[in-house]
Amino acid sequence: KDQIDHISKLHVPFSDIDIAVKKYIYNNGEFFGYYTGFVFANSMHLTTQVPFVREIASNYSGGIKRKIKIGNSKFILKEPRTIVTTENHKILQLLDLLNDYEFYMDYDNDEEFVKKNLLTYLKQLNLSRALFEKYLQFYPDSIYKTLYKLEVNNVLAWG
């Protein structure tokens, strides 16, 4: 019995992060949330900071920004600016990042490298200008300064 208990403790079927993703980001082929904040900024090389607390924007946030704990992991849940869908989750994730670009940007990084990385990611999304602008309306006008600075207009597909 002790051997079985020991083995079952070693084989955990789901991690804290797996549970958070399933509950707040993606389940059954549908997106309803996304990582935001320093987690996404780090993955896009804006910052070298690795957050201890992961931030998630989710339709299931409860409408208020709050801290939660799943197992030993901490998360911040926040309400997205509009309903998150499979179609728009990457756009909203990117717009969140661009909206707070100056906050996340680690100026020890090569700014041209960061710009190139963001624009490459945006090209891979292959967004139409109309789709991008559909979600841009949910963000403050101050985001346009960052869009201009990064020359986002040059990589959006026309049509």
N, C-alpha and C. Protein backbone atom coordinates (compact mmCIF):
# COMPACT_ATOMS: atom_id res chain seq x y z
N LYS A 1 0.82 -1.19 0.00
CA LYS A 1 0.00 0.00 0.00
C LYS A 1 0.86 1.25 0.00
N ASP A 2 1.93 1.29 0.80
CA ASP A 2 2.82 2.45 0.83
C ASP A 2 3.46 2.70 -0.53
N GLN A 3 3.81 1.59 -1.22
CA GLN A 3 4.40 1.73 -2.55
C GLN A 3 3.40 2.33 -3.53
N ILE A 4 2.16 1.94 -3.48
CA ILE A 4 1.12 2.47 -4.37
C ILE A 4 0.89 3.95 -4.08
N ASP A 5 0.81 4.33 -2.80
CA ASP A 5 0.64 5.74 -2.44
C ASP A 5 1.80 6.58 -2.97
N HIS A 6 3.01 6.06 -2.85
CA HIS A 6 4.20 6.76 -3.32
C HIS A 6 4.15 6.95 -4.84
N ILE A 7 3.80 5.90 -5.56
CA ILE A 7 3.71 5.98 -7.03
C ILE A 7 2.61 6.94 -7.46
N SER A 8 1.46 6.91 -6.80
CA SER A 8 0.37 7.79 -7.19
C SER A 8 0.72 9.26 -6.95
N LYS A 9 1.56 9.53 -5.96
CA LYS A 9 1.99 10.91 -5.71
C LYS A 9 2.96 11.39 -6.79
N LEU A 10 3.71 10.48 -7.36
CA LEU A 10 4.66 10.85 -8.41
C LEU A 10 3.98 11.09 -9.75
N HIS A 11 2.89 10.43 -10.01
CA HIS A 11 2.21 10.55 -11.30
C HIS A 11 0.95 11.40 -11.13
N VAL A 12 1.12 12.70 -11.31
CA VAL A 12 0.00 13.63 -11.22
C VAL A 12 -0.54 13.83 -12.63
N PRO A 13 -1.80 13.51 -12.89
CA PRO A 13 -2.31 13.59 -14.26
C PRO A 13 -2.44 15.02 -14.79
N PHE A 14 -2.70 15.98 -13.92
CA PHE A 14 -2.87 17.37 -14.37
C PHE A 14 -2.08 18.29 -13.46
N SER A 15 -1.37 19.23 -14.06
CA SER A 15 -0.65 20.23 -13.27
C SER A 15 -1.60 21.37 -12.94
N ASP A 16 -1.14 22.25 -12.06
CA ASP A 16 -1.91 23.44 -11.71
C ASP A 16 -2.20 24.27 -12.97
N ILE A 17 -1.21 24.36 -13.83
CA ILE A 17 -1.36 25.15 -15.06
C ILE A 17 -2.36 24.49 -16.00
N ASP A 18 -2.32 23.16 -16.10
CA ASP A 18 -3.29 22.44 -16.93
C ASP A 18 -4.72 22.74 -16.48
N ILE A 19 -4.92 22.74 -15.19
CA ILE A 19 -6.25 23.00 -14.62
C ILE A 19 -6.68 24.43 -14.93
N ALA A 20 -5.77 25.39 -14.75
CA ALA A 20 -6.09 26.80 -15.04
C ALA A 20 -6.45 26.98 -16.51
N VAL A 21 -5.68 26.37 -17.39
CA VAL A 21 -5.96 26.49 -18.84
C VAL A 21 -7.33 25.92 -19.15
N LYS A 22 -7.62 24.74 -18.64
CA LYS A 22 -8.90 24.09 -18.94
C LYS A 22 -10.09 24.89 -18.39
N LYS A 23 -9.90 25.51 -17.24
CA LYS A 23 -10.99 26.23 -16.60
C LYS A 23 -11.16 27.67 -17.12
N TYR A 24 -10.05 28.32 -17.50
CA TYR A 24 -10.13 29.74 -17.83
C TYR A 24 -9.68 30.13 -19.24
N ILE A 25 -9.05 29.20 -20.00
CA ILE A 25 -8.51 29.58 -21.31
C ILE A 25 -9.08 28.75 -22.46
N TYR A 26 -9.00 27.44 -22.35
CA TYR A 26 -9.32 26.59 -23.51
C TYR A 26 -9.84 25.25 -23.04
N ASN A 27 -10.95 24.82 -23.64
CA ASN A 27 -11.50 23.50 -23.33
C ASN A 27 -12.43 23.08 -24.47
N ASN A 28 -12.46 21.80 -24.76
CA ASN A 28 -13.36 21.24 -25.78
C ASN A 28 -13.26 21.97 -27.12
N GLY A 29 -12.04 22.33 -27.51
CA GLY A 29 -11.83 22.96 -28.82
C GLY A 29 -12.22 24.43 -28.90
N GLU A 30 -12.54 25.05 -27.79
CA GLU A 30 -12.97 26.45 -27.78
C GLU A 30 -12.09 27.30 -26.86
N PHE A 31 -11.70 28.48 -27.34
CA PHE A 31 -10.99 29.43 -26.50
C PHE A 31 -12.00 30.38 -25.85
N PHE A 32 -11.78 30.68 -24.58
CA PHE A 32 -12.59 31.65 -23.85
C PHE A 32 -11.71 32.49 -22.94
N GLY A 33 -10.42 32.45 -23.19
CA GLY A 33 -9.47 33.24 -22.42
C GLY A 33 -8.09 33.15 -23.04
N TYR A 34 -7.14 33.85 -22.42
CA TYR A 34 -5.76 33.85 -22.91
C TYR A 34 -4.83 34.37 -21.82
N TYR A 35 -3.57 33.98 -21.92
CA TYR A 35 -2.56 34.55 -21.03
C TYR A 35 -2.30 35.98 -21.46
N THR A 36 -2.09 36.84 -20.50
CA THR A 36 -1.79 38.23 -20.77
C THR A 36 -0.72 38.68 -19.78
N GLY A 37 -0.42 39.96 -19.75
CA GLY A 37 0.55 40.47 -18.79
C GLY A 37 1.97 40.01 -19.09
N PHE A 38 2.75 39.85 -18.03
CA PHE A 38 4.16 39.51 -18.17
C PHE A 38 4.39 38.13 -18.79
N VAL A 39 3.45 37.21 -18.63
CA VAL A 39 3.61 35.88 -19.25
C VAL A 39 3.72 36.03 -20.77
N PHE A 40 2.78 36.75 -21.36
CA PHE A 40 2.79 36.93 -22.81
C PHE A 40 3.92 37.87 -23.22
N ALA A 41 4.16 38.93 -22.45
CA ALA A 41 5.25 39.87 -22.77
C ALA A 41 6.59 39.14 -22.80
N ASN A 42 6.79 38.22 -21.88
CA ASN A 42 8.02 37.45 -21.84
C ASN A 42 8.11 36.53 -23.07
N SER A 43 7.01 35.90 -23.43
CA SER A 43 7.03 35.00 -24.59
C SER A 43 7.29 35.75 -25.89
N MET A 44 6.97 37.05 -25.91
CA MET A 44 7.20 37.87 -27.09
C MET A 44 8.53 38.62 -27.01
N HIS A 45 9.32 38.35 -25.98
CA HIS A 45 10.65 38.91 -25.78
C HIS A 45 10.67 40.41 -25.50
N LEU A 46 9.55 40.95 -25.00
CA LEU A 46 9.54 42.35 -24.58
C LEU A 46 10.29 42.52 -23.28
N THR A 47 10.24 41.50 -22.45
CA THR A 47 10.87 41.57 -21.15
C THR A 47 11.54 40.25 -20.83
N THR A 48 12.51 40.33 -19.97
CA THR A 48 13.17 39.12 -19.49
C THR A 48 12.57 38.67 -18.16
N GLN A 49 11.65 39.47 -17.64
CA GLN A 49 11.01 39.12 -16.37
C GLN A 49 10.12 37.90 -16.55
N VAL A 50 10.29 36.96 -15.66
CA VAL A 50 9.45 35.76 -15.66
C VAL A 50 8.52 35.90 -14.46
N PRO A 51 7.23 36.03 -14.72
CA PRO A 51 6.31 36.29 -13.61
C PRO A 51 6.09 35.07 -12.72
N PHE A 52 5.98 35.34 -11.45
CA PHE A 52 5.64 34.29 -10.49
C PHE A 52 4.14 34.02 -10.53
N VAL A 53 3.38 35.07 -10.80
CA VAL A 53 1.92 34.98 -10.89
C VAL A 53 1.52 35.18 -12.35
N ARG A 54 0.82 34.22 -12.90
CA ARG A 54 0.38 34.30 -14.30
C ARG A 54 -0.95 35.05 -14.37
N GLU A 55 -1.06 35.92 -15.37
CA GLU A 55 -2.28 36.70 -15.55
C GLU A 55 -3.07 36.13 -16.71
N ILE A 56 -4.38 35.98 -16.49
CA ILE A 56 -5.28 35.41 -17.49
C ILE A 56 -6.47 36.34 -17.67
N ALA A 57 -6.79 36.65 -18.93
CA ALA A 57 -8.04 37.34 -19.25
C ALA A 57 -9.00 36.25 -19.70
N SER A 58 -10.16 36.18 -19.06
CA SER A 58 -11.09 35.09 -19.34
C SER A 58 -12.54 35.53 -19.22
N ASN A 59 -13.36 34.94 -20.09
CA ASN A 59 -14.80 35.15 -19.97
C ASN A 59 -15.31 34.66 -18.62
N TYR A 60 -14.58 33.76 -17.99
CA TYR A 60 -14.99 33.18 -16.71
C TYR A 60 -14.25 33.80 -15.52
N SER A 61 -13.87 35.05 -15.66
CA SER A 61 -13.13 35.73 -14.59
C SER A 61 -14.04 36.14 -13.44
N GLY A 62 -15.32 36.17 -13.67
CA GLY A 62 -16.24 36.65 -12.64
C GLY A 62 -16.46 38.15 -12.71
N GLY A 63 -15.91 38.79 -13.74
CA GLY A 63 -16.16 40.22 -13.96
C GLY A 63 -15.29 41.16 -13.15
N ILE A 64 -14.48 40.64 -12.25
CA ILE A 64 -13.60 41.50 -11.46
C ILE A 64 -12.18 40.95 -11.51
N LYS A 65 -11.21 41.85 -11.38
CA LYS A 65 -9.82 41.40 -11.32
C LYS A 65 -9.59 40.82 -9.94
N ARG A 66 -9.08 39.58 -9.91
CA ARG A 66 -8.90 38.92 -8.62
C ARG A 66 -7.75 37.93 -8.70
N LYS A 67 -7.22 37.61 -7.53
CA LYS A 67 -6.16 36.61 -7.43
C LYS A 67 -6.79 35.29 -7.02
N ILE A 68 -6.30 34.23 -7.66
CA ILE A 68 -6.76 32.89 -7.28
C ILE A 68 -5.54 31.99 -7.12
N LYS A 69 -5.73 30.88 -6.46
CA LYS A 69 -4.68 29.90 -6.29
C LYS A 69 -5.23 28.55 -6.72
N ILE A 70 -4.48 27.87 -7.56
CA ILE A 70 -4.82 26.51 -7.97
C ILE A 70 -3.62 25.66 -7.60
N GLY A 71 -3.81 24.77 -6.67
CA GLY A 71 -2.68 24.00 -6.15
C GLY A 71 -1.68 24.94 -5.53
N ASN A 72 -0.45 24.89 -6.00
CA ASN A 72 0.60 25.78 -5.49
C ASN A 72 0.85 26.98 -6.39
N SER A 73 0.08 27.12 -7.45
CA SER A 73 0.28 28.20 -8.42
C SER A 73 -0.72 29.33 -8.19
N LYS A 74 -0.23 30.55 -8.41
CA LYS A 74 -1.07 31.74 -8.26
C LYS A 74 -1.35 32.34 -9.63
N PHE A 75 -2.56 32.85 -9.77
CA PHE A 75 -3.00 33.46 -11.01
C PHE A 75 -3.76 34.74 -10.70
N ILE A 76 -3.73 35.66 -11.64
CA ILE A 76 -4.59 36.84 -11.59
C ILE A 76 -5.58 36.67 -12.73
N LEU A 77 -6.86 36.72 -12.40
CA LEU A 77 -7.91 36.65 -13.41
C LEU A 77 -8.44 38.04 -13.64
N LYS A 78 -8.65 38.37 -14.89
CA LYS A 78 -9.26 39.67 -15.20
C LYS A 78 -10.26 39.50 -16.32
N GLU A 79 -11.15 40.42 -16.38
CA GLU A 79 -12.17 40.41 -17.42
C GLU A 79 -11.57 40.93 -18.73
N PRO A 80 -11.79 40.25 -19.84
CA PRO A 80 -11.30 40.77 -21.12
C PRO A 80 -12.12 41.99 -21.56
N ARG A 81 -11.60 42.72 -22.52
CA ARG A 81 -12.28 43.93 -22.98
C ARG A 81 -13.54 43.62 -23.78
N THR A 82 -13.62 42.42 -24.31
CA THR A 82 -14.81 41.93 -25.01
C THR A 82 -14.81 40.41 -24.88
N ILE A 83 -15.88 39.78 -25.29
CA ILE A 83 -16.00 38.33 -25.18
C ILE A 83 -14.88 37.65 -25.99
N VAL A 84 -14.17 36.74 -25.36
CA VAL A 84 -13.09 36.00 -26.01
C VAL A 84 -13.68 34.80 -26.74
N THR A 85 -13.24 34.63 -27.99
CA THR A 85 -13.67 33.50 -28.81
C THR A 85 -12.43 32.85 -29.42
N THR A 86 -12.62 31.72 -30.06
CA THR A 86 -11.53 31.06 -30.76
C THR A 86 -11.02 31.96 -31.89
N GLU A 87 -11.92 32.71 -32.51
CA GLU A 87 -11.54 33.62 -33.59
C GLU A 87 -10.68 34.78 -33.12
N ASN A 88 -10.95 35.31 -31.93
CA ASN A 88 -10.31 36.58 -31.55
C ASN A 88 -9.29 36.50 -30.42
N HIS A 89 -9.07 35.34 -29.81
CA HIS A 89 -8.22 35.30 -28.62
C HIS A 89 -6.79 35.78 -28.87
N LYS A 90 -6.22 35.49 -30.02
CA LYS A 90 -4.86 35.93 -30.30
C LYS A 90 -4.80 37.43 -30.58
N ILE A 91 -5.84 37.95 -31.21
CA ILE A 91 -5.90 39.39 -31.49
C ILE A 91 -5.99 40.15 -30.17
N LEU A 92 -6.90 39.73 -29.30
CA LEU A 92 -7.06 40.41 -28.01
C LEU A 92 -5.80 40.30 -27.18
N GLN A 93 -5.16 39.15 -27.21
CA GLN A 93 -3.92 38.94 -26.47
C GLN A 93 -2.85 39.93 -26.95
N LEU A 94 -2.72 40.06 -28.25
CA LEU A 94 -1.74 40.98 -28.82
C LEU A 94 -2.11 42.43 -28.53
N LEU A 95 -3.37 42.78 -28.65
CA LEU A 95 -3.80 44.15 -28.36
C LEU A 95 -3.59 44.51 -26.89
N ASP A 96 -3.81 43.57 -25.99
CA ASP A 96 -3.51 43.82 -24.57
C ASP A 96 -2.03 44.17 -24.41
N LEU A 97 -1.19 43.40 -25.06
CA LEU A 97 0.25 43.62 -24.98
C LEU A 97 0.62 44.98 -25.56
N LEU A 98 0.10 45.30 -26.73
CA LEU A 98 0.41 46.57 -27.38
C LEU A 98 -0.13 47.75 -26.58
N ASN A 99 -1.26 47.57 -25.93
CA ASN A 99 -1.84 48.63 -25.12
C ASN A 99 -0.92 49.00 -23.95
N ASP A 100 -0.22 48.01 -23.41
CA ASP A 100 0.66 48.24 -22.27
C ASP A 100 2.13 48.06 -22.64
N TYR A 101 2.45 48.27 -23.89
CA TYR A 101 3.79 48.05 -24.43
C TYR A 101 4.88 48.72 -23.60
N GLU A 102 4.70 49.99 -23.30
CA GLU A 102 5.72 50.75 -22.55
C GLU A 102 5.93 50.16 -21.15
N PHE A 103 4.88 49.66 -20.55
CA PHE A 103 4.96 49.08 -19.22
C PHE A 103 5.79 47.79 -19.23
N TYR A 104 5.60 46.97 -20.25
CA TYR A 104 6.27 45.67 -20.31
C TYR A 104 7.66 45.74 -20.94
N MET A 105 7.90 46.73 -21.77
CA MET A 105 9.16 46.79 -22.52
C MET A 105 10.34 46.91 -21.58
N ASP A 106 11.25 45.97 -21.70
CA ASP A 106 12.48 45.96 -20.93
C ASP A 106 13.54 46.58 -21.84
N TYR A 107 13.94 47.80 -21.54
CA TYR A 107 14.83 48.51 -22.46
C TYR A 107 16.27 48.01 -22.42
N ASP A 108 16.52 46.95 -21.65
CA ASP A 108 17.80 46.26 -21.75
C ASP A 108 17.80 45.39 -23.01
N ASN A 109 16.60 45.10 -23.52
CA ASN A 109 16.47 44.32 -24.75
C ASN A 109 16.73 45.23 -25.95
N ASP A 110 17.07 44.64 -27.06
CA ASP A 110 17.25 45.36 -28.30
C ASP A 110 15.86 45.70 -28.85
N GLU A 111 15.53 46.98 -28.88
CA GLU A 111 14.18 47.39 -29.28
C GLU A 111 13.86 47.00 -30.72
N GLU A 112 14.84 47.01 -31.59
CA GLU A 112 14.59 46.59 -32.98
C GLU A 112 14.27 45.10 -33.06
N PHE A 113 14.95 44.30 -32.24
CA PHE A 113 14.67 42.87 -32.18
C PHE A 113 13.23 42.64 -31.71
N VAL A 114 12.82 43.37 -30.67
CA VAL A 114 11.46 43.24 -30.13
C VAL A 114 10.45 43.63 -31.20
N LYS A 115 10.69 44.74 -31.86
CA LYS A 115 9.79 45.21 -32.93
C LYS A 115 9.68 44.16 -34.03
N LYS A 116 10.80 43.63 -34.47
CA LYS A 116 10.80 42.63 -35.53
C LYS A 116 10.03 41.39 -35.09
N ASN A 117 10.22 40.97 -33.86
CA ASN A 117 9.54 39.79 -33.32
C ASN A 117 8.02 40.00 -33.28
N LEU A 118 7.60 41.16 -32.81
CA LEU A 118 6.16 41.46 -32.75
C LEU A 118 5.54 41.51 -34.14
N LEU A 119 6.22 42.14 -35.07
CA LEU A 119 5.69 42.25 -36.43
C LEU A 119 5.65 40.89 -37.12
N THR A 120 6.64 40.05 -36.85
CA THR A 120 6.64 38.69 -37.41
C THR A 120 5.44 37.92 -36.86
N TYR A 121 5.20 38.04 -35.57
CA TYR A 121 4.05 37.37 -34.95
C TYR A 121 2.74 37.87 -35.58
N LEU A 122 2.65 39.18 -35.75
CA LEU A 122 1.45 39.78 -36.33
C LEU A 122 1.25 39.29 -37.77
N LYS A 123 2.31 39.17 -38.53
CA LYS A 123 2.22 38.65 -39.91
C LYS A 123 1.72 37.21 -39.90
N GLN A 124 2.21 36.42 -38.95
CA GLN A 124 1.79 35.01 -38.86
C GLN A 124 0.30 34.89 -38.55
N LEU A 125 -0.24 35.87 -37.84
CA LEU A 125 -1.67 35.84 -37.56
C LEU A 125 -2.48 36.09 -38.83
N ASN A 126 -1.86 36.74 -39.82
CA ASN A 126 -2.50 37.00 -41.11
C ASN A 126 -3.87 37.65 -40.95
N LEU A 127 -3.90 38.73 -40.19
CA LEU A 127 -5.15 39.42 -39.91
C LEU A 127 -5.52 40.38 -41.02
N SER A 128 -6.79 40.46 -41.28
CA SER A 128 -7.25 41.51 -42.18
C SER A 128 -7.33 42.80 -41.37
N ARG A 129 -7.20 43.90 -42.06
CA ARG A 129 -7.30 45.21 -41.40
C ARG A 129 -8.67 45.35 -40.72
N ALA A 130 -9.72 44.88 -41.39
CA ALA A 130 -11.08 44.99 -40.85
C ALA A 130 -11.22 44.21 -39.54
N LEU A 131 -10.68 43.01 -39.49
CA LEU A 131 -10.78 42.20 -38.28
C LEU A 131 -9.98 42.83 -37.15
N PHE A 132 -8.79 43.33 -37.46
CA PHE A 132 -7.96 44.00 -36.45
C PHE A 132 -8.69 45.21 -35.88
N GLU A 133 -9.26 46.03 -36.76
CA GLU A 133 -9.95 47.24 -36.33
C GLU A 133 -11.24 46.93 -35.57
N LYS A 134 -11.86 45.80 -35.87
CA LYS A 134 -13.06 45.38 -35.14
C LYS A 134 -12.78 45.28 -33.64
N TYR A 135 -11.60 44.79 -33.28
CA TYR A 135 -11.25 44.62 -31.87
C TYR A 135 -10.47 45.80 -31.30
N LEU A 136 -9.83 46.57 -32.16
CA LEU A 136 -9.09 47.75 -31.74
C LEU A 136 -10.01 48.77 -31.06
N GLN A 137 -11.27 48.78 -31.45
CA GLN A 137 -12.23 49.74 -30.88
C GLN A 137 -12.42 49.57 -29.37
N PHE A 138 -12.05 48.42 -28.81
CA PHE A 138 -12.23 48.16 -27.39
C PHE A 138 -11.06 48.68 -26.55
N TYR A 139 -10.08 49.29 -27.19
CA TYR A 139 -8.88 49.76 -26.50
C TYR A 139 -8.82 51.28 -26.54
N PRO A 140 -8.12 51.88 -25.56
CA PRO A 140 -8.03 53.35 -25.54
C PRO A 140 -7.23 53.90 -26.72
N ASP A 141 -7.48 55.14 -27.05
CA ASP A 141 -6.80 55.79 -28.18
C ASP A 141 -5.29 55.81 -28.03
N SER A 142 -4.79 55.73 -26.81
CA SER A 142 -3.34 55.77 -26.58
C SER A 142 -2.62 54.60 -27.25
N ILE A 143 -3.32 53.54 -27.59
CA ILE A 143 -2.69 52.39 -28.25
C ILE A 143 -2.19 52.76 -29.65
N TYR A 144 -2.78 53.77 -30.26
CA TYR A 144 -2.39 54.16 -31.62
C TYR A 144 -0.94 54.63 -31.67
N LYS A 145 -0.44 55.23 -30.61
CA LYS A 145 0.96 55.67 -30.55
C LYS A 145 1.88 54.46 -30.70
N THR A 146 1.58 53.39 -30.01
CA THR A 146 2.39 52.17 -30.10
C THR A 146 2.26 51.54 -31.48
N LEU A 147 1.04 51.50 -32.01
CA LEU A 147 0.83 50.92 -33.34
C LEU A 147 1.65 51.68 -34.39
N TYR A 148 1.68 53.00 -34.27
CA TYR A 148 2.44 53.83 -35.20
C TYR A 148 3.94 53.59 -35.03
N LYS A 149 4.38 53.58 -33.78
CA LYS A 149 5.80 53.39 -33.46
C LYS A 149 6.32 52.05 -34.00
N LEU A 150 5.50 51.02 -33.89
CA LEU A 150 5.91 49.68 -34.33
C LEU A 150 5.61 49.42 -35.81
N GLU A 151 4.98 50.39 -36.48
CA GLU A 151 4.63 50.28 -37.89
C GLU A 151 3.72 49.08 -38.17
N VAL A 152 2.77 48.87 -37.28
CA VAL A 152 1.82 47.77 -37.41
C VAL A 152 1.01 47.89 -38.69
N ASN A 153 0.71 49.09 -39.09
CA ASN A 153 -0.08 49.34 -40.29
C ASN A 153 0.52 48.67 -41.53
N ASN A 154 1.85 48.55 -41.53
CA ASN A 154 2.54 47.99 -42.70
C ASN A 154 2.39 46.49 -42.84
N VAL A 155 1.96 45.79 -41.81
CA VAL A 155 1.89 44.33 -41.89
C VAL A 155 0.48 43.78 -41.90
N LEU A 156 -0.51 44.63 -41.74
CA LEU A 156 -1.90 44.16 -41.78
C LEU A 156 -2.32 43.89 -43.22
N ALA A 157 -2.99 42.79 -43.41
CA ALA A 157 -3.47 42.43 -44.74
C ALA A 157 -4.63 43.34 -45.13
N TRP A 158 -4.61 43.82 -46.34
CA TRP A 158 -5.72 44.65 -46.83
C TRP A 158 -6.83 43.72 -47.31
N GLY A 159 -8.04 44.09 -46.96
CA GLY A 159 -9.15 43.30 -47.46
C GLY A 159 -10.07 42.83 -46.39
